[in-house]
């Protein structure tokens, strides 16, 4: 999303601003991964079924609950801390977060 909003570069190559964008993207992904893991532990998504020996990670409904728990929190955190695109949550997110 950063590349789309900033346009094409005049000079090809890796610059300091690219490092800033890359660390922002990696920190956002790490935060989403932490929230996903936390939600998975709370919903017991990763526990092994003693009968079948499989986890519930392939269960669509269990994953939908996990997405419903972690993604709104992730978007609200991104918005509150000012990471990501300027209008990551839309114009109404300010009112709902505050």
N, C-alpha and C. Protein backbone atom coordinates (compact mmCIF):
# COMPACT_ATOMS: atom_id res chain seq x y z
N UNK A 1 0.81 -1.20 0.00
CA UNK A 1 0.00 0.00 0.00
C UNK A 1 0.85 1.26 0.00
N UNK A 2 2.01 1.19 0.62
CA UNK A 2 2.87 2.37 0.62
C UNK A 2 3.33 2.72 -0.80
N UNK A 3 3.70 1.70 -1.57
CA UNK A 3 4.19 1.96 -2.92
C UNK A 3 3.11 2.56 -3.80
N UNK A 4 1.89 2.13 -3.62
CA UNK A 4 0.79 2.66 -4.42
C UNK A 4 0.54 4.12 -4.08
N UNK A 5 0.63 4.47 -2.80
CA UNK A 5 0.34 5.84 -2.39
C UNK A 5 1.49 6.80 -2.68
N UNK A 6 2.72 6.31 -2.77
CA UNK A 6 3.86 7.20 -3.00
C UNK A 6 4.24 7.31 -4.46
N UNK A 7 3.74 6.43 -5.31
CA UNK A 7 4.09 6.49 -6.73
C UNK A 7 5.40 5.78 -7.01
N UNK A 8 5.81 5.86 -8.27
CA UNK A 8 7.05 5.18 -8.65
C UNK A 8 8.26 6.02 -8.25
N UNK A 9 9.38 5.33 -8.09
CA UNK A 9 10.62 6.00 -7.68
C UNK A 9 11.29 6.60 -8.91
N UNK A 10 11.93 7.74 -8.72
CA UNK A 10 12.65 8.37 -9.81
C UNK A 10 13.96 7.67 -10.10
N UNK A 11 14.63 7.22 -9.03
CA UNK A 11 15.91 6.53 -9.17
C UNK A 11 15.75 5.12 -8.62
N UNK A 12 16.02 4.09 -9.44
CA UNK A 12 15.89 2.73 -8.93
C UNK A 12 16.94 2.43 -7.87
N UNK A 13 16.62 1.49 -7.00
CA UNK A 13 17.56 1.09 -5.96
C UNK A 13 16.92 1.11 -4.59
N UNK A 14 17.67 0.63 -3.62
CA UNK A 14 17.19 0.52 -2.24
C UNK A 14 17.70 1.73 -1.46
N UNK A 15 16.78 2.50 -0.90
CA UNK A 15 17.15 3.72 -0.19
C UNK A 15 16.72 3.62 1.27
N UNK A 16 17.06 4.65 2.05
CA UNK A 16 16.73 4.67 3.46
C UNK A 16 15.21 4.62 3.69
N UNK A 17 14.46 5.31 2.85
CA UNK A 17 13.00 5.31 3.00
C UNK A 17 12.43 3.91 2.78
N UNK A 18 13.07 3.12 1.92
CA UNK A 18 12.63 1.74 1.71
C UNK A 18 12.80 0.91 2.98
N UNK A 19 13.85 1.17 3.73
CA UNK A 19 14.07 0.46 5.00
C UNK A 19 12.97 0.83 6.00
N UNK A 20 12.59 2.10 6.01
CA UNK A 20 11.51 2.54 6.89
C UNK A 20 10.21 1.83 6.53
N UNK A 21 9.90 1.76 5.23
CA UNK A 21 8.69 1.07 4.79
C UNK A 21 8.75 -0.42 5.13
N UNK A 22 9.91 -1.03 4.93
CA UNK A 22 10.06 -2.46 5.19
C UNK A 22 9.91 -2.78 6.67
N UNK A 23 10.52 -1.99 7.55
CA UNK A 23 10.38 -2.24 8.98
C UNK A 23 8.95 -2.01 9.44
N UNK A 24 8.25 -1.04 8.84
CA UNK A 24 6.85 -0.83 9.18
C UNK A 24 5.98 -2.02 8.78
N UNK A 25 6.25 -2.57 7.62
CA UNK A 25 5.50 -3.73 7.15
C UNK A 25 5.80 -4.95 8.00
N UNK A 26 7.07 -5.17 8.34
CA UNK A 26 7.44 -6.32 9.16
C UNK A 26 6.89 -6.21 10.58
N UNK A 27 6.88 -5.01 11.14
CA UNK A 27 6.33 -4.85 12.49
C UNK A 27 4.82 -5.06 12.48
N UNK A 28 4.16 -4.63 11.42
CA UNK A 28 2.73 -4.85 11.29
C UNK A 28 2.42 -6.34 11.18
N UNK A 29 3.21 -7.04 10.39
CA UNK A 29 3.02 -8.49 10.24
C UNK A 29 3.32 -9.23 11.54
N UNK A 30 4.32 -8.79 12.27
CA UNK A 30 4.64 -9.41 13.56
C UNK A 30 3.52 -9.19 14.56
N UNK A 31 2.95 -8.00 14.56
CA UNK A 31 1.83 -7.71 15.45
C UNK A 31 0.62 -8.57 15.11
N UNK A 32 0.32 -8.70 13.81
CA UNK A 32 -0.78 -9.56 13.40
C UNK A 32 -0.52 -11.01 13.78
N UNK A 33 0.71 -11.47 13.63
CA UNK A 33 1.06 -12.84 14.01
C UNK A 33 0.91 -13.06 15.51
N UNK A 34 1.29 -12.06 16.30
CA UNK A 34 1.13 -12.18 17.76
C UNK A 34 -0.35 -12.22 18.14
N UNK A 35 -1.15 -11.35 17.52
CA UNK A 35 -2.60 -11.36 17.81
C UNK A 35 -3.24 -12.67 17.35
N UNK A 36 -2.81 -13.19 16.20
CA UNK A 36 -3.37 -14.46 15.69
C UNK A 36 -3.04 -15.60 16.66
N UNK A 37 -1.80 -15.63 17.14
CA UNK A 37 -1.40 -16.68 18.07
C UNK A 37 -2.15 -16.55 19.39
N UNK A 38 -2.29 -15.32 19.89
CA UNK A 38 -3.02 -15.10 21.13
C UNK A 38 -4.49 -15.52 20.99
N UNK A 39 -5.11 -15.16 19.87
CA UNK A 39 -6.50 -15.56 19.65
C UNK A 39 -6.60 -17.08 19.49
N UNK A 40 -5.63 -17.69 18.82
CA UNK A 40 -5.64 -19.15 18.65
C UNK A 40 -5.48 -19.89 19.97
N UNK A 41 -4.67 -19.33 20.87
CA UNK A 41 -4.52 -19.95 22.18
C UNK A 41 -5.81 -19.80 23.01
N UNK A 42 -6.45 -18.63 22.88
CA UNK A 42 -7.70 -18.42 23.62
C UNK A 42 -8.83 -19.30 23.11
N UNK A 43 -8.88 -19.54 21.81
CA UNK A 43 -9.94 -20.36 21.23
C UNK A 43 -9.56 -21.83 21.12
N UNK A 44 -8.37 -22.16 21.58
CA UNK A 44 -7.85 -23.54 21.53
C UNK A 44 -7.75 -24.08 20.11
N UNK A 45 -7.40 -23.21 19.19
CA UNK A 45 -7.28 -23.59 17.79
C UNK A 45 -6.13 -24.57 17.56
N UNK A 46 -5.10 -24.49 18.38
CA UNK A 46 -3.90 -25.28 18.15
C UNK A 46 -3.85 -26.58 18.94
N UNK A 47 -4.88 -26.84 19.75
CA UNK A 47 -4.87 -28.08 20.54
C UNK A 47 -5.13 -29.29 19.65
N UNK A 48 -4.53 -30.39 20.02
CA UNK A 48 -4.68 -31.63 19.27
C UNK A 48 -5.88 -32.40 19.81
N UNK A 49 -6.72 -32.86 18.90
CA UNK A 49 -7.86 -33.70 19.27
C UNK A 49 -7.33 -35.08 19.64
N UNK A 50 -7.61 -35.56 20.86
CA UNK A 50 -7.04 -36.85 21.26
C UNK A 50 -7.58 -38.03 20.45
N UNK A 51 -8.76 -37.90 19.88
CA UNK A 51 -9.35 -39.01 19.12
C UNK A 51 -8.75 -39.09 17.71
N UNK A 52 -8.79 -37.96 16.99
CA UNK A 52 -8.30 -37.97 15.61
C UNK A 52 -6.82 -37.67 15.50
N UNK A 53 -6.26 -37.00 16.50
CA UNK A 53 -4.85 -36.63 16.45
C UNK A 53 -4.57 -35.38 15.63
N UNK A 54 -5.63 -34.72 15.15
CA UNK A 54 -5.47 -33.51 14.33
C UNK A 54 -5.79 -32.26 15.14
N UNK A 55 -5.25 -31.14 14.70
CA UNK A 55 -5.62 -29.86 15.31
C UNK A 55 -6.84 -29.30 14.58
N UNK A 56 -7.40 -28.24 15.15
CA UNK A 56 -8.56 -27.62 14.52
C UNK A 56 -8.15 -26.55 13.52
N UNK A 57 -6.87 -26.47 13.17
CA UNK A 57 -6.39 -25.41 12.30
C UNK A 57 -6.95 -25.49 10.88
N UNK A 58 -7.49 -26.63 10.48
CA UNK A 58 -8.11 -26.76 9.16
C UNK A 58 -9.62 -26.53 9.21
N UNK A 59 -10.15 -26.28 10.39
CA UNK A 59 -11.59 -26.05 10.57
C UNK A 59 -11.91 -24.60 10.18
N UNK A 60 -12.77 -24.43 9.18
CA UNK A 60 -13.11 -23.11 8.67
C UNK A 60 -13.78 -22.24 9.73
N UNK A 61 -14.69 -22.82 10.48
CA UNK A 61 -15.40 -22.04 11.51
C UNK A 61 -14.45 -21.59 12.62
N UNK A 62 -13.54 -22.45 13.02
CA UNK A 62 -12.57 -22.08 14.07
C UNK A 62 -11.65 -20.97 13.59
N UNK A 63 -11.25 -21.02 12.33
CA UNK A 63 -10.41 -19.96 11.78
C UNK A 63 -11.19 -18.66 11.63
N UNK A 64 -12.47 -18.74 11.29
CA UNK A 64 -13.29 -17.53 11.19
C UNK A 64 -13.42 -16.84 12.55
N UNK A 65 -13.55 -17.63 13.61
CA UNK A 65 -13.59 -17.05 14.96
C UNK A 65 -12.26 -16.39 15.28
N UNK A 66 -11.17 -17.04 14.89
CA UNK A 66 -9.84 -16.47 15.13
C UNK A 66 -9.66 -15.15 14.38
N UNK A 67 -10.10 -15.11 13.14
CA UNK A 67 -10.02 -13.87 12.35
C UNK A 67 -10.89 -12.79 13.00
N UNK A 68 -12.08 -13.17 13.44
CA UNK A 68 -12.97 -12.22 14.09
C UNK A 68 -12.42 -11.66 15.38
N UNK A 69 -11.56 -12.41 16.04
CA UNK A 69 -10.95 -11.94 17.29
C UNK A 69 -9.72 -11.07 17.05
N UNK A 70 -8.87 -11.48 16.12
CA UNK A 70 -7.58 -10.79 16.02
C UNK A 70 -7.57 -9.62 15.03
N UNK A 71 -8.28 -9.70 13.94
CA UNK A 71 -8.17 -8.66 12.92
C UNK A 71 -8.72 -7.30 13.35
N UNK A 72 -9.88 -7.21 13.99
CA UNK A 72 -10.32 -5.89 14.45
C UNK A 72 -9.35 -5.26 15.46
N UNK A 73 -8.80 -6.07 16.33
CA UNK A 73 -7.82 -5.57 17.29
C UNK A 73 -6.56 -5.10 16.59
N UNK A 74 -6.14 -5.83 15.57
CA UNK A 74 -4.95 -5.46 14.79
C UNK A 74 -5.18 -4.13 14.06
N UNK A 75 -6.32 -3.98 13.40
CA UNK A 75 -6.61 -2.75 12.67
C UNK A 75 -6.72 -1.57 13.64
N UNK A 76 -7.37 -1.78 14.78
CA UNK A 76 -7.48 -0.70 15.77
C UNK A 76 -6.12 -0.30 16.32
N UNK A 77 -5.25 -1.29 16.55
CA UNK A 77 -3.90 -0.99 17.03
C UNK A 77 -3.10 -0.23 15.97
N UNK A 78 -3.18 -0.67 14.72
CA UNK A 78 -2.49 0.02 13.63
C UNK A 78 -2.96 1.47 13.55
N UNK A 79 -4.25 1.66 13.65
CA UNK A 79 -4.83 3.00 13.54
C UNK A 79 -4.44 3.87 14.74
N UNK A 80 -4.52 3.31 15.94
CA UNK A 80 -4.22 4.08 17.14
C UNK A 80 -2.76 4.49 17.21
N UNK A 81 -1.86 3.62 16.74
CA UNK A 81 -0.43 3.93 16.78
C UNK A 81 0.06 4.68 15.54
N UNK A 82 -0.83 4.86 14.58
CA UNK A 82 -0.47 5.62 13.38
C UNK A 82 0.36 4.85 12.38
N UNK A 83 0.30 3.52 12.41
CA UNK A 83 1.04 2.72 11.44
C UNK A 83 0.16 2.48 10.22
N UNK A 84 0.78 2.01 9.15
CA UNK A 84 0.04 1.66 7.96
C UNK A 84 -0.42 2.88 7.20
N UNK A 85 -1.28 2.67 6.22
CA UNK A 85 -1.81 3.79 5.45
C UNK A 85 -2.57 4.76 6.36
N UNK A 86 -2.65 5.99 5.95
CA UNK A 86 -3.25 7.03 6.78
C UNK A 86 -4.69 6.68 7.16
N UNK A 87 -5.45 6.15 6.23
CA UNK A 87 -6.86 5.89 6.47
C UNK A 87 -7.13 4.39 6.50
N UNK A 88 -6.34 3.66 7.30
CA UNK A 88 -6.41 2.21 7.29
C UNK A 88 -7.78 1.68 7.71
N UNK A 89 -8.45 2.33 8.61
CA UNK A 89 -9.72 1.82 9.09
C UNK A 89 -10.93 2.54 8.56
N UNK A 90 -10.74 3.47 7.63
CA UNK A 90 -11.87 4.24 7.12
C UNK A 90 -12.13 5.45 8.00
N UNK A 91 -13.02 6.29 7.54
CA UNK A 91 -13.28 7.54 8.24
C UNK A 91 -14.07 7.34 9.53
N UNK A 92 -14.75 6.24 9.69
CA UNK A 92 -15.55 6.02 10.90
C UNK A 92 -14.79 5.33 12.01
N UNK A 93 -13.56 4.87 11.75
CA UNK A 93 -12.82 4.15 12.77
C UNK A 93 -12.40 5.07 13.92
N UNK A 94 -12.11 6.32 13.62
CA UNK A 94 -11.75 7.27 14.69
C UNK A 94 -12.82 7.33 15.76
N UNK A 95 -14.06 7.43 15.35
CA UNK A 95 -15.16 7.53 16.31
C UNK A 95 -15.37 6.23 17.07
N UNK A 96 -15.16 5.11 16.42
CA UNK A 96 -15.41 3.83 17.09
C UNK A 96 -14.27 3.45 18.02
N UNK A 97 -13.03 3.86 17.72
CA UNK A 97 -11.90 3.52 18.58
C UNK A 97 -11.87 4.44 19.79
N UNK A 98 -12.11 5.71 19.57
CA UNK A 98 -12.04 6.70 20.65
C UNK A 98 -13.28 6.66 21.43
